[in-house]
All heavy atoms as atom14 arrays in JSON, in Angstrom:
{
  "sequence": "SGGTFSNSFVDQAAGRSITETLASQGADIVMPVAGQSGLGA",
  "atom14_mask": [
    [1, 1, 1, 1, 1, 1, 0, 0, 0, 0, 0, 0, 0, 0],
    [1, 1, 1, 1, 0, 0, 0, 0, 0, 0, 0, 0, 0, 0],
    [1, 1, 1, 1, 0, 0, 0, 0, 0, 0, 0, 0, 0, 0],
    [1, 1, 1, 1, 1, 1, 1, 0, 0, 0, 0, 0, 0, 0],
    [1, 1, 1, 1, 1, 1, 1, 1, 1, 1, 1, 0, 0, 0],
    [1, 1, 1, 1, 1, 1, 0, 0, 0, 0, 0, 0, 0, 0],
    [1, 1, 1, 1, 1, 1, 1, 1, 0, 0, 0, 0, 0, 0],
    [1, 1, 1, 1, 1, 1, 0, 0, 0, 0, 0, 0, 0, 0],
    [1, 1, 1, 1, 1, 1, 1, 1, 1, 1, 1, 0, 0, 0],
    [1, 1, 1, 1, 1, 1, 1, 0, 0, 0, 0, 0, 0, 0],
    [1, 1, 1, 1, 1, 1, 1, 1, 0, 0, 0, 0, 0, 0],
    [1, 1, 1, 1, 1, 1, 1, 1, 1, 0, 0, 0, 0, 0],
    [1, 1, 1, 1, 1, 0, 0, 0, 0, 0, 0, 0, 0, 0],
    [1, 1, 1, 1, 1, 0, 0, 0, 0, 0, 0, 0, 0, 0],
    [1, 1, 1, 1, 0, 0, 0, 0, 0, 0, 0, 0, 0, 0],
    [1, 1, 1, 1, 1, 1, 1, 1, 1, 1, 1, 0, 0, 0],
    [1, 1, 1, 1, 1, 1, 0, 0, 0, 0, 0, 0, 0, 0],
    [1, 1, 1, 1, 1, 1, 1, 1, 0, 0, 0, 0, 0, 0],
    [1, 1, 1, 1, 1, 1, 1, 0, 0, 0, 0, 0, 0, 0],
    [1, 1, 1, 1, 1, 1, 1, 1, 1, 0, 0, 0, 0, 0],
    [1, 1, 1, 1, 1, 1, 1, 0, 0, 0, 0, 0, 0, 0],
    [1, 1, 1, 1, 1, 1, 1, 1, 0, 0, 0, 0, 0, 0],
    [1, 1, 1, 1, 1, 0, 0, 0, 0, 0, 0, 0, 0, 0],
    [1, 1, 1, 1, 1, 1, 0, 0, 0, 0, 0, 0, 0, 0],
    [1, 1, 1, 1, 1, 1, 1, 1, 1, 0, 0, 0, 0, 0],
    [1, 1, 1, 1, 0, 0, 0, 0, 0, 0, 0, 0, 0, 0],
    [1, 1, 1, 1, 1, 0, 0, 0, 0, 0, 0, 0, 0, 0],
    [1, 1, 1, 1, 1, 1, 1, 1, 0, 0, 0, 0, 0, 0],
    [1, 1, 1, 1, 1, 1, 1, 1, 0, 0, 0, 0, 0, 0],
    [1, 1, 1, 1, 1, 1, 1, 0, 0, 0, 0, 0, 0, 0],
    [1, 1, 1, 1, 1, 1, 1, 1, 0, 0, 0, 0, 0, 0],
    [1, 1, 1, 1, 1, 1, 1, 0, 0, 0, 0, 0, 0, 0],
    [1, 1, 1, 1, 1, 1, 1, 0, 0, 0, 0, 0, 0, 0],
    [1, 1, 1, 1, 1, 0, 0, 0, 0, 0, 0, 0, 0, 0],
    [1, 1, 1, 1, 0, 0, 0, 0, 0, 0, 0, 0, 0, 0],
    [1, 1, 1, 1, 1, 1, 1, 1, 1, 0, 0, 0, 0, 0],
    [1, 1, 1, 1, 1, 1, 0, 0, 0, 0, 0, 0, 0, 0],
    [1, 1, 1, 1, 0, 0, 0, 0, 0, 0, 0, 0, 0, 0],
    [1, 1, 1, 1, 1, 1, 1, 1, 0, 0, 0, 0, 0, 0],
    [1, 1, 1, 1, 0, 0, 0, 0, 0, 0, 0, 0, 0, 0],
    [1, 1, 1, 1, 1, 0, 0, 0, 0, 0, 0, 0, 0, 0]
  ],
  "atom14_positions": [
    [[-116.9, 49.83, -99.65], [-117.5, 48.75, -98.91], [-118.08, 49.18, -97.51], [-118.95, 48.59, -96.88], [-116.53, 47.72, -98.53], [-115.39, 48.2, -97.74], [0.0, 0.0, 0.0], [0.0, 0.0, 0.0], [0.0, 0.0, 0.0], [0.0, 0.0, 0.0], [0.0, 0.0, 0.0], [0.0, 0.0, 0.0], [0.0, 0.0, 0.0], [0.0, 0.0, 0.0]],
    [[-117.6, 50.4, -97.21], [-118.18, 50.98, -95.88], [-119.27, 51.87, -96.05], [-119.71, 52.63, -95.15], [0.0, 0.0, 0.0], [0.0, 0.0, 0.0], [0.0, 0.0, 0.0], [0.0, 0.0, 0.0], [0.0, 0.0, 0.0], [0.0, 0.0, 0.0], [0.0, 0.0, 0.0], [0.0, 0.0, 0.0], [0.0, 0.0, 0.0], [0.0, 0.0, 0.0]],
    [[-120.01, 51.88, -97.3], [-121.11, 52.83, -97.57], [-122.33, 52.5, -96.87], [-122.49, 51.26, -96.32], [0.0, 0.0, 0.0], [0.0, 0.0, 0.0], [0.0, 0.0, 0.0], [0.0, 0.0, 0.0], [0.0, 0.0, 0.0], [0.0, 0.0, 0.0], [0.0, 0.0, 0.0], [0.0, 0.0, 0.0], [0.0, 0.0, 0.0], [0.0, 0.0, 0.0]],
    [[-123.22, 53.4, -96.62], [-124.5, 53.3, -95.95], [-125.62, 53.15, -97.0], [-125.83, 54.07, -97.85], [-124.75, 54.42, -95.04], [-123.7, 54.55, -93.97], [-126.06, 54.25, -94.27], [0.0, 0.0, 0.0], [0.0, 0.0, 0.0], [0.0, 0.0, 0.0], [0.0, 0.0, 0.0], [0.0, 0.0, 0.0], [0.0, 0.0, 0.0], [0.0, 0.0, 0.0]],
    [[-126.44, 52.1, -96.88], [-127.58, 51.88, -97.84], [-128.78, 51.4, -97.0], [-128.6, 50.7, -96.07], [-127.14, 50.82, -98.91], [-125.97, 51.31, -99.69], [-124.61, 51.01, -99.35], [-126.19, 52.14, -100.91], [-123.59, 51.43, -100.09], [-125.16, 52.54, -101.58], [-123.78, 52.22, -101.22], [0.0, 0.0, 0.0], [0.0, 0.0, 0.0], [0.0, 0.0, 0.0]],
    [[-130.01, 51.73, -97.57], [-131.21, 51.34, -97.0], [-131.66, 49.91, -97.51], [-132.51, 49.25, -96.99], [-132.32, 52.26, -97.29], [-132.5, 52.47, -98.67], [0.0, 0.0, 0.0], [0.0, 0.0, 0.0], [0.0, 0.0, 0.0], [0.0, 0.0, 0.0], [0.0, 0.0, 0.0], [0.0, 0.0, 0.0], [0.0, 0.0, 0.0], [0.0, 0.0, 0.0]],
    [[-130.92, 49.4, -98.68], [-131.32, 48.16, -99.33], [-132.71, 48.24, -99.74], [-133.46, 47.17, -99.87], [-130.99, 47.05, -98.35], [-129.54, 46.86, -98.09], [-128.73, 46.85, -99.01], [-129.22, 46.64, -96.82], [0.0, 0.0, 0.0], [0.0, 0.0, 0.0], [0.0, 0.0, 0.0], [0.0, 0.0, 0.0], [0.0, 0.0, 0.0], [0.0, 0.0, 0.0]],
    [[-133.21, 49.31, -100.06], [-134.58, 49.58, -100.63], [-134.71, 50.91, -101.14], [-134.05, 51.91, -100.78], [-135.62, 49.35, -99.43], [-136.91, 49.69, -99.85], [0.0, 0.0, 0.0], [0.0, 0.0, 0.0], [0.0, 0.0, 0.0], [0.0, 0.0, 0.0], [0.0, 0.0, 0.0], [0.0, 0.0, 0.0], [0.0, 0.0, 0.0], [0.0, 0.0, 0.0]],
    [[-135.56, 50.97, -102.21], [-135.94, 52.16, -102.8], [-137.37, 52.67, -102.36], [-137.82, 53.68, -102.88], [-135.89, 52.25, -104.44], [-134.49, 52.0, -104.8], [-134.12, 50.81, -105.36], [-133.61, 52.99, -104.76], [-132.77, 50.61, -105.97], [-132.3, 52.96, -105.23], [-131.86, 51.68, -105.84], [0.0, 0.0, 0.0], [0.0, 0.0, 0.0], [0.0, 0.0, 0.0]],
    [[-137.98, 51.93, -101.48], [-139.28, 52.39, -101.04], [-139.5, 52.42, -99.6], [-140.57, 52.86, -99.09], [-140.4, 51.28, -101.65], [-140.39, 51.39, -103.16], [-140.04, 49.93, -101.2], [0.0, 0.0, 0.0], [0.0, 0.0, 0.0], [0.0, 0.0, 0.0], [0.0, 0.0, 0.0], [0.0, 0.0, 0.0], [0.0, 0.0, 0.0], [0.0, 0.0, 0.0]],
    [[-138.59, 52.0, -98.81], [-138.58, 51.94, -97.26], [-138.34, 53.25, -96.72], [-137.14, 53.53, -96.35], [-137.76, 50.7, -96.77], [-137.98, 50.47, -95.3], [-138.64, 51.37, -94.59], [-137.47, 49.4, -94.89], [0.0, 0.0, 0.0], [0.0, 0.0, 0.0], [0.0, 0.0, 0.0], [0.0, 0.0, 0.0], [0.0, 0.0, 0.0], [0.0, 0.0, 0.0]],
    [[-139.42, 54.02, -96.43], [-139.25, 55.36, -95.93], [-138.79, 55.3, -94.43], [-138.07, 56.21, -93.94], [-140.52, 56.1, -96.06], [-140.81, 56.49, -97.45], [-142.15, 57.37, -97.6], [-142.21, 58.32, -96.81], [-143.01, 57.01, -98.48], [0.0, 0.0, 0.0], [0.0, 0.0, 0.0], [0.0, 0.0, 0.0], [0.0, 0.0, 0.0], [0.0, 0.0, 0.0]],
    [[-139.22, 54.27, -93.69], [-138.8, 54.14, -92.3], [-137.34, 53.95, -92.25], [-136.66, 54.58, -91.39], [-139.56, 52.97, -91.67], [0.0, 0.0, 0.0], [0.0, 0.0, 0.0], [0.0, 0.0, 0.0], [0.0, 0.0, 0.0], [0.0, 0.0, 0.0], [0.0, 0.0, 0.0], [0.0, 0.0, 0.0], [0.0, 0.0, 0.0], [0.0, 0.0, 0.0]],
    [[-136.76, 53.14, -93.07], [-135.35, 52.85, -93.12], [-134.66, 54.15, -93.54], [-133.53, 54.53, -92.93], [-134.98, 51.73, -94.09], [0.0, 0.0, 0.0], [0.0, 0.0, 0.0], [0.0, 0.0, 0.0], [0.0, 0.0, 0.0], [0.0, 0.0, 0.0], [0.0, 0.0, 0.0], [0.0, 0.0, 0.0], [0.0, 0.0, 0.0], [0.0, 0.0, 0.0]],
    [[-135.08, 54.88, -94.47], [-134.58, 56.21, -94.87], [-134.51, 57.12, -93.72], [-133.58, 57.9, -93.53], [0.0, 0.0, 0.0], [0.0, 0.0, 0.0], [0.0, 0.0, 0.0], [0.0, 0.0, 0.0], [0.0, 0.0, 0.0], [0.0, 0.0, 0.0], [0.0, 0.0, 0.0], [0.0, 0.0, 0.0], [0.0, 0.0, 0.0], [0.0, 0.0, 0.0]],
    [[-135.61, 57.26, -92.96], [-135.67, 58.19, -91.81], [-134.59, 57.75, -90.74], [-133.89, 58.6, -90.18], [-136.98, 58.27, -91.2], [-137.04, 59.14, -90.0], [-138.5, 59.48, -89.54], [-138.52, 60.18, -88.3], [-139.6, 60.83, -87.78], [-140.79, 60.58, -88.36], [-139.5, 61.58, -86.74], [0.0, 0.0, 0.0], [0.0, 0.0, 0.0], [0.0, 0.0, 0.0]],
    [[-134.63, 56.45, -90.49], [-133.64, 55.94, -89.38], [-132.16, 56.26, -89.81], [-131.36, 56.66, -88.85], [-133.82, 54.55, -89.26], [-132.97, 54.0, -88.28], [0.0, 0.0, 0.0], [0.0, 0.0, 0.0], [0.0, 0.0, 0.0], [0.0, 0.0, 0.0], [0.0, 0.0, 0.0], [0.0, 0.0, 0.0], [0.0, 0.0, 0.0], [0.0, 0.0, 0.0]],
    [[-131.8, 55.97, -91.1], [-130.43, 56.22, -91.5], [-130.04, 57.66, -91.43], [-129.05, 58.12, -90.95], [-130.24, 55.72, -93.02], [-130.22, 54.28, -93.02], [-128.92, 56.34, -93.56], [-130.22, 53.62, -94.43], [0.0, 0.0, 0.0], [0.0, 0.0, 0.0], [0.0, 0.0, 0.0], [0.0, 0.0, 0.0], [0.0, 0.0, 0.0], [0.0, 0.0, 0.0]],
    [[-130.98, 58.5, -91.88], [-130.78, 60.04, -91.86], [-130.55, 60.57, -90.39], [-129.71, 61.34, -90.12], [-131.96, 60.67, -92.57], [-132.04, 60.28, -93.96], [-131.61, 62.16, -92.61], [0.0, 0.0, 0.0], [0.0, 0.0, 0.0], [0.0, 0.0, 0.0], [0.0, 0.0, 0.0], [0.0, 0.0, 0.0], [0.0, 0.0, 0.0], [0.0, 0.0, 0.0]],
    [[-131.48, 60.08, -89.55], [-131.42, 60.42, -88.11], [-130.12, 60.0, -87.49], [-129.45, 60.61, -86.68], [-132.56, 59.93, -87.3], [-133.89, 60.55, -87.7], [-135.19, 60.03, -86.96], [-135.06, 58.86, -86.49], [-136.23, 60.72, -86.92], [0.0, 0.0, 0.0], [0.0, 0.0, 0.0], [0.0, 0.0, 0.0], [0.0, 0.0, 0.0], [0.0, 0.0, 0.0]],
    [[-129.55, 58.76, -87.9], [-128.28, 58.33, -87.35], [-127.15, 59.23, -87.83], [-126.3, 59.55, -87.05], [-128.05, 56.84, -87.9], [-129.06, 55.98, -87.3], [-126.61, 56.39, -87.4], [0.0, 0.0, 0.0], [0.0, 0.0, 0.0], [0.0, 0.0, 0.0], [0.0, 0.0, 0.0], [0.0, 0.0, 0.0], [0.0, 0.0, 0.0], [0.0, 0.0, 0.0]],
    [[-127.2, 59.62, -89.13], [-126.11, 60.53, -89.66], [-126.22, 61.89, -89.04], [-125.13, 62.56, -88.57], [-126.25, 60.78, -91.18], [-126.1, 59.47, -92.08], [-126.37, 59.73, -93.53], [-124.78, 58.87, -91.83], [0.0, 0.0, 0.0], [0.0, 0.0, 0.0], [0.0, 0.0, 0.0], [0.0, 0.0, 0.0], [0.0, 0.0, 0.0], [0.0, 0.0, 0.0]],
    [[-127.46, 62.33, -88.59], [-127.59, 63.62, -87.92], [-127.07, 63.48, -86.54], [-126.44, 64.47, -86.09], [-129.01, 64.0, -87.95], [0.0, 0.0, 0.0], [0.0, 0.0, 0.0], [0.0, 0.0, 0.0], [0.0, 0.0, 0.0], [0.0, 0.0, 0.0], [0.0, 0.0, 0.0], [0.0, 0.0, 0.0], [0.0, 0.0, 0.0], [0.0, 0.0, 0.0]],
    [[-127.28, 62.38, -85.93], [-126.81, 62.26, -84.52], [-125.22, 62.17, -84.51], [-124.66, 62.42, -83.41], [-127.37, 60.96, -83.95], [-126.72, 59.74, -84.52], [0.0, 0.0, 0.0], [0.0, 0.0, 0.0], [0.0, 0.0, 0.0], [0.0, 0.0, 0.0], [0.0, 0.0, 0.0], [0.0, 0.0, 0.0], [0.0, 0.0, 0.0], [0.0, 0.0, 0.0]],
    [[-124.62, 61.88, -85.56], [-123.21, 61.89, -85.72], [-122.6, 63.21, -86.15], [-121.35, 63.32, -86.45], [-122.7, 60.75, -86.7], [-123.05, 59.41, -86.18], [-122.92, 58.25, -87.19], [-122.57, 58.54, -88.33], [-123.04, 57.08, -86.81], [0.0, 0.0, 0.0], [0.0, 0.0, 0.0], [0.0, 0.0, 0.0], [0.0, 0.0, 0.0], [0.0, 0.0, 0.0]],
    [[-123.5, 64.2, -86.37], [-123.16, 65.55, -86.59], [-123.42, 66.14, -87.93], [-123.16, 67.36, -88.24], [0.0, 0.0, 0.0], [0.0, 0.0, 0.0], [0.0, 0.0, 0.0], [0.0, 0.0, 0.0], [0.0, 0.0, 0.0], [0.0, 0.0, 0.0], [0.0, 0.0, 0.0], [0.0, 0.0, 0.0], [0.0, 0.0, 0.0], [0.0, 0.0, 0.0]],
    [[-123.98, 65.27, -88.86], [-124.34, 65.83, -90.16], [-125.51, 66.73, -90.2], [-126.53, 66.33, -89.57], [-124.73, 64.65, -91.16], [0.0, 0.0, 0.0], [0.0, 0.0, 0.0], [0.0, 0.0, 0.0], [0.0, 0.0, 0.0], [0.0, 0.0, 0.0], [0.0, 0.0, 0.0], [0.0, 0.0, 0.0], [0.0, 0.0, 0.0], [0.0, 0.0, 0.0]],
    [[-125.43, 67.91, -90.82], [-126.49, 68.85, -90.82], [-127.01, 69.03, -92.17], [-128.08, 69.71, -92.44], [-126.14, 70.16, -90.17], [-125.06, 70.93, -90.85], [-124.34, 70.28, -91.78], [-124.92, 72.11, -90.6], [0.0, 0.0, 0.0], [0.0, 0.0, 0.0], [0.0, 0.0, 0.0], [0.0, 0.0, 0.0], [0.0, 0.0, 0.0], [0.0, 0.0, 0.0]],
    [[-126.48, 68.42, -93.17], [-126.91, 68.33, -94.53], [-126.7, 66.98, -95.05], [-125.55, 66.32, -94.93], [-126.14, 69.29, -95.45], [-126.28, 70.73, -94.89], [-126.59, 69.11, -96.86], [-125.44, 71.81, -95.66], [0.0, 0.0, 0.0], [0.0, 0.0, 0.0], [0.0, 0.0, 0.0], [0.0, 0.0, 0.0], [0.0, 0.0, 0.0], [0.0, 0.0, 0.0]],
    [[-127.75, 66.35, -95.48], [-127.68, 64.9, -96.02], [-128.28, 64.81, -97.49], [-129.34, 65.49, -97.76], [-128.51, 64.02, -95.08], [-128.53, 62.54, -95.63], [-127.81, 63.87, -93.76], [0.0, 0.0, 0.0], [0.0, 0.0, 0.0], [0.0, 0.0, 0.0], [0.0, 0.0, 0.0], [0.0, 0.0, 0.0], [0.0, 0.0, 0.0], [0.0, 0.0, 0.0]],
    [[-127.7, 64.03, -98.31], [-128.2, 63.71, -99.65], [-128.5, 62.32, -99.78], [-127.7, 61.38, -99.87], [-127.19, 64.15, -100.71], [-127.7, 64.02, -102.15], [-126.41, 64.32, -103.36], [-125.56, 62.79, -103.46], [0.0, 0.0, 0.0], [0.0, 0.0, 0.0], [0.0, 0.0, 0.0], [0.0, 0.0, 0.0], [0.0, 0.0, 0.0], [0.0, 0.0, 0.0]],
    [[-129.85, 61.96, -99.69], [-130.28, 60.55, -100.0], [-130.34, 60.24, -101.4], [-130.78, 61.13, -102.18], [-131.75, 60.51, -99.32], [-132.2, 61.94, -99.48], [-131.04, 62.83, -99.36], [0.0, 0.0, 0.0], [0.0, 0.0, 0.0], [0.0, 0.0, 0.0], [0.0, 0.0, 0.0], [0.0, 0.0, 0.0], [0.0, 0.0, 0.0], [0.0, 0.0, 0.0]],
    [[-129.97, 59.08, -101.82], [-129.99, 58.74, -103.29], [-130.79, 57.32, -103.29], [-130.22, 56.31, -103.49], [-128.59, 58.53, -103.8], [-128.63, 58.31, -105.33], [-127.7, 59.69, -103.47], [0.0, 0.0, 0.0], [0.0, 0.0, 0.0], [0.0, 0.0, 0.0], [0.0, 0.0, 0.0], [0.0, 0.0, 0.0], [0.0, 0.0, 0.0], [0.0, 0.0, 0.0]],
    [[-132.11, 57.44, -102.95], [-132.84, 56.16, -102.76], [-134.27, 56.24, -103.2], [-135.1, 55.54, -102.52], [-132.67, 55.77, -101.31], [0.0, 0.0, 0.0], [0.0, 0.0, 0.0], [0.0, 0.0, 0.0], [0.0, 0.0, 0.0], [0.0, 0.0, 0.0], [0.0, 0.0, 0.0], [0.0, 0.0, 0.0], [0.0, 0.0, 0.0], [0.0, 0.0, 0.0]],
    [[-134.59, 57.09, -104.15], [-136.06, 57.17, -104.44], [-136.94, 57.53, -103.35], [-136.68, 58.4, -102.64], [0.0, 0.0, 0.0], [0.0, 0.0, 0.0], [0.0, 0.0, 0.0], [0.0, 0.0, 0.0], [0.0, 0.0, 0.0], [0.0, 0.0, 0.0], [0.0, 0.0, 0.0], [0.0, 0.0, 0.0], [0.0, 0.0, 0.0], [0.0, 0.0, 0.0]],
    [[-138.04, 56.74, -103.26], [-138.97, 57.07, -102.13], [-138.44, 56.8, -100.83], [-138.94, 57.39, -99.87], [-140.28, 56.31, -102.43], [-141.37, 56.89, -101.56], [-142.75, 56.29, -101.88], [-142.84, 55.47, -102.75], [-143.74, 56.81, -101.24], [0.0, 0.0, 0.0], [0.0, 0.0, 0.0], [0.0, 0.0, 0.0], [0.0, 0.0, 0.0], [0.0, 0.0, 0.0]],
    [[-137.51, 55.87, -100.64], [-136.86, 55.8, -99.34], [-136.28, 57.09, -98.86], [-136.24, 57.43, -97.74], [-135.66, 54.8, -99.36], [-136.19, 53.48, -99.51], [0.0, 0.0, 0.0], [0.0, 0.0, 0.0], [0.0, 0.0, 0.0], [0.0, 0.0, 0.0], [0.0, 0.0, 0.0], [0.0, 0.0, 0.0], [0.0, 0.0, 0.0], [0.0, 0.0, 0.0]],
    [[-135.86, 57.97, -99.86], [-135.35, 59.27, -99.47], [-136.39, 60.17, -98.78], [-136.01, 61.13, -98.06], [0.0, 0.0, 0.0], [0.0, 0.0, 0.0], [0.0, 0.0, 0.0], [0.0, 0.0, 0.0], [0.0, 0.0, 0.0], [0.0, 0.0, 0.0], [0.0, 0.0, 0.0], [0.0, 0.0, 0.0], [0.0, 0.0, 0.0], [0.0, 0.0, 0.0]],
    [[-137.74, 59.85, -98.89], [-138.7, 60.73, -98.32], [-138.6, 60.54, -96.79], [-139.05, 61.47, -96.1], [-140.13, 60.32, -98.89], [-140.41, 60.56, -100.27], [-141.77, 60.07, -100.74], [-140.38, 62.06, -100.51], [0.0, 0.0, 0.0], [0.0, 0.0, 0.0], [0.0, 0.0, 0.0], [0.0, 0.0, 0.0], [0.0, 0.0, 0.0], [0.0, 0.0, 0.0]],
    [[-138.06, 59.37, -96.42], [-137.81, 59.23, -94.97], [-136.85, 60.33, -94.47], [-136.89, 60.8, -93.27], [0.0, 0.0, 0.0], [0.0, 0.0, 0.0], [0.0, 0.0, 0.0], [0.0, 0.0, 0.0], [0.0, 0.0, 0.0], [0.0, 0.0, 0.0], [0.0, 0.0, 0.0], [0.0, 0.0, 0.0], [0.0, 0.0, 0.0], [0.0, 0.0, 0.0]],
    [[-135.97, 60.66, -95.29], [-134.92, 61.73, -94.88], [-135.8, 63.13, -94.68], [-135.44, 63.94, -93.8], [-133.92, 62.0, -95.99], [0.0, 0.0, 0.0], [0.0, 0.0, 0.0], [0.0, 0.0, 0.0], [0.0, 0.0, 0.0], [0.0, 0.0, 0.0], [0.0, 0.0, 0.0], [0.0, 0.0, 0.0], [0.0, 0.0, 0.0], [0.0, 0.0, 0.0]]
  ]
}
């Protein structure tokens, strides 16, 4: 229930925002599972 999702498989802006948030929290490797939304990563 605490997972992070873009709620879209095409929203690249949301994908970029989520990835940047994870990076700001210290993540230096991220695996997006979101189709084209993952291109935002």
